[in-house]
Amino acid sequence: MNDNPHLLAIMESKMAQARLQLQHASFDKADDLLAQVKIYAEALRTKSSTH
């Protein structure tokens, strides 16, 4: 099963949440969300390189 679309959707959602947090000056929350995006991006990169 290809999880790539699911991982991309999660990343897009987290980035949208981070943008919203930045608009509300919640920088720590935005930073946490962006850290999560990095984790999902690395997972996506790892999955792509093994295929």
Protein backbone atom coordinates (compact mmCIF):
# COMPACT_ATOMS: atom_id res chain seq x y z
CA MET A 1 0.00 0.00 0.00
CA ASN A 2 1.28 3.47 -0.91
CA ASP A 3 1.17 5.71 2.17
CA ASN A 4 2.71 8.68 0.36
CA PRO A 5 -0.59 10.51 -0.30
CA HIS A 6 -1.55 10.03 3.34
CA LEU A 7 1.79 11.40 4.57
CA LEU A 8 1.49 14.37 2.22
CA ALA A 9 -2.01 15.14 3.49
CA ILE A 10 -0.78 15.05 7.09
CA MET A 11 2.10 17.36 6.21
CA GLU A 12 -0.22 19.82 4.46
CA SER A 13 -2.54 19.83 7.46
CA LYS A 14 0.33 20.43 9.89
CA MET A 15 1.68 23.27 7.73
CA ALA A 16 -1.76 24.90 7.59
CA GLN A 17 -2.02 24.62 11.38
CA ALA A 18 1.45 26.16 11.73
CA ARG A 19 0.47 29.10 9.50
CA LEU A 20 -2.60 29.69 11.65
CA GLN A 21 -0.52 29.59 14.82
CA LEU A 22 1.91 32.11 13.31
CA GLN A 23 -0.99 34.43 12.49
CA HIS A 24 -1.98 34.26 16.17
CA ALA A 25 1.62 34.79 17.34
CA SER A 26 1.78 31.31 18.89
CA PHE A 27 5.37 30.77 17.86
CA ASP A 28 6.12 27.82 20.15
CA LYS A 29 3.08 25.92 18.86
CA ALA A 30 4.02 26.73 15.25
CA ASP A 31 7.57 25.55 15.88
CA ASP A 32 6.27 22.26 17.30
CA LEU A 33 4.02 21.73 14.27
CA LEU A 34 6.88 22.44 11.87
CA ALA A 35 9.06 19.96 13.75
CA GLN A 36 6.33 17.37 13.16
CA VAL A 37 6.32 18.25 9.44
CA LYS A 38 10.07 17.58 9.34
CA ILE A 39 9.50 14.13 10.86
CA TYR A 40 6.85 13.27 8.26
CA ALA A 41 9.05 14.65 5.47
CA GLU A 42 11.91 12.42 6.58
CA ALA A 43 9.56 9.42 6.69
CA LEU A 44 8.40 10.25 3.18
CA ARG A 45 11.97 10.64 1.95
CA THR A 46 12.94 7.29 3.53
CA LYS A 47 9.96 5.51 1.96
CA SER A 48 10.76 7.02 -1.44
CA SER A 49 14.40 5.99 -1.36
CA THR A 50 13.60 2.37 -0.56
CA HIS A 51 11.41 1.92 -3.65
